Amino acid sequence: MKYTINEAGDAHEVMMQGTFGFADNVSVEQLVESLVGKRAGSVVLNLSSVDKIDSAGLGMIVLIKDEVEDSGGKFAVRGASGQVKKMLDISRFDQLMNVEG
């Protein structure tokens, strides 16, 4: 999984790409440190270019959400489709966080 962060003021959109799973735990730790360090007011995790996610990837999304919200920011997930959307739906992520189309 690769990611880039687009910043506009205190709003951050994290554009993720590829497969998101267990092997990405170090990258996610670095991402969280970066977002918390920048005191991101809002974070949108854009999954439109993620083609596959496993249960570890789902857990990491919850971790990112918790860290962002614990530091005073707002969090949302956007753009999931295919297998990724199905995993979010099955796991009822819409009841845990803001999931946008």
Protein backbone atom coordinates (compact mmCIF):
# COMPACT_ATOMS: atom_id res chain seq x y z
CA MET A 1 0.00 0.00 0.00
CA LYS A 2 1.19 3.47 -0.87
CA TYR A 3 -0.23 6.77 0.28
CA THR A 4 0.09 10.49 -0.29
CA ILE A 5 -1.24 13.27 1.89
CA ASN A 6 -2.90 16.32 0.36
CA GLU A 7 -3.10 19.23 2.79
CA ALA A 8 -5.33 22.30 2.69
CA GLY A 9 -4.96 24.21 5.93
CA ASP A 10 -5.71 21.78 8.75
CA ALA A 11 -7.66 19.44 6.42
CA HIS A 12 -5.77 16.37 5.24
CA GLU A 13 -6.84 13.89 2.58
CA VAL A 14 -4.87 10.64 2.64
CA MET A 15 -4.94 9.06 -0.82
CA MET A 16 -4.29 5.34 -0.41
CA GLN A 17 -3.38 2.99 -3.25
CA GLY A 18 -2.99 -0.76 -3.70
CA THR A 19 -3.65 -3.57 -1.23
CA PHE A 20 -4.16 -2.54 2.41
CA GLY A 21 -3.35 -5.23 4.95
CA PHE A 22 -1.13 -6.66 7.67
CA ALA A 23 2.13 -5.82 5.88
CA ASP A 24 1.29 -2.11 6.10
CA ASN A 25 1.44 -1.72 9.89
CA VAL A 26 4.74 0.23 9.88
CA SER A 27 3.49 2.59 7.16
CA VAL A 28 0.29 3.20 9.13
CA GLU A 29 2.26 3.95 12.31
CA GLN A 30 4.26 6.56 10.37
CA LEU A 31 1.06 7.99 8.88
CA VAL A 32 -0.56 8.31 12.32
CA GLU A 33 2.54 10.01 13.76
CA SER A 34 2.53 12.46 10.86
CA LEU A 35 -1.17 13.32 11.15
CA VAL A 36 -1.09 13.68 14.94
CA GLY A 37 2.14 15.68 14.76
CA LYS A 38 0.57 18.10 12.27
CA ARG A 39 -2.51 18.43 14.49
CA ALA A 40 -4.78 17.61 11.57
CA GLY A 41 -8.20 19.18 12.15
CA SER A 42 -9.85 16.78 9.76
CA VAL A 43 -8.65 13.66 8.00
CA VAL A 44 -10.34 11.94 5.07
CA LEU A 45 -9.00 8.51 4.21
CA ASN A 46 -9.61 8.17 0.46
CA LEU A 47 -9.83 4.48 -0.46
CA SER A 48 -10.86 4.93 -4.11
CA SER A 49 -7.54 3.44 -5.33
CA VAL A 50 -7.40 0.60 -2.80
CA ASP A 51 -8.28 -2.65 -4.57
CA LYS A 52 -8.18 -5.05 -1.61
CA ILE A 53 -8.30 -4.87 2.19
CA ASP A 54 -8.06 -7.55 4.88
CA SER A 55 -9.09 -7.60 8.53
CA ALA A 56 -5.77 -6.08 9.60
CA GLY A 57 -6.37 -3.19 7.20
CA LEU A 58 -9.82 -2.66 8.73
CA GLY A 59 -8.25 -2.62 12.18
CA MET A 60 -5.70 -0.04 11.05
CA ILE A 61 -8.49 2.23 9.78
CA VAL A 62 -10.03 2.11 13.27
CA LEU A 63 -6.60 2.87 14.78
CA ILE A 64 -6.15 5.91 12.50
CA LYS A 65 -9.66 7.12 13.37
CA ASP A 66 -9.09 6.74 17.12
CA GLU A 67 -5.73 8.54 17.04
CA VAL A 68 -7.07 11.42 14.93
CA GLU A 69 -10.13 11.85 17.14
CA ASP A 70 -8.10 11.51 20.36
CA SER A 71 -5.95 14.41 19.15
CA GLY A 72 -9.06 16.54 18.56
CA GLY A 73 -9.56 15.97 14.83
CA LYS A 74 -12.46 14.68 12.75
CA PHE A 75 -12.21 11.54 10.61
CA ALA A 76 -14.01 10.12 7.57
CA VAL A 77 -13.52 7.37 4.99
CA ARG A 78 -14.34 8.08 1.35
CA GLY A 79 -14.41 6.38 -2.03
CA ALA A 80 -14.48 2.67 -1.17
CA SER A 81 -15.70 0.36 -3.92
CA GLY A 82 -15.68 -3.33 -4.83
CA GLN A 83 -14.16 -5.68 -2.26
CA VAL A 84 -13.15 -2.77 -0.02
CA LYS A 85 -16.70 -1.42 0.15
CA LYS A 86 -18.03 -4.92 0.81
CA MET A 87 -15.61 -5.35 3.74
CA LEU A 88 -16.61 -1.96 5.19
CA ASP A 89 -20.30 -2.84 4.79
CA ILE A 90 -19.99 -6.31 6.33
CA SER A 91 -18.06 -4.83 9.26
CA ARG A 92 -20.66 -2.04 9.64
CA PHE A 93 -18.06 0.69 9.59
CA ASP A 94 -20.83 3.21 8.93
CA GLN A 95 -21.83 2.67 12.58
CA LEU A 96 -18.27 3.36 13.79
CA MET A 97 -17.33 6.36 11.67
CA ASN A 98 -18.35 8.67 8.87
CA VAL A 99 -18.24 6.63 5.63
CA GLU A 100 -18.80 8.77 2.54
CA GLY A 101 -19.88 7.34 -0.83
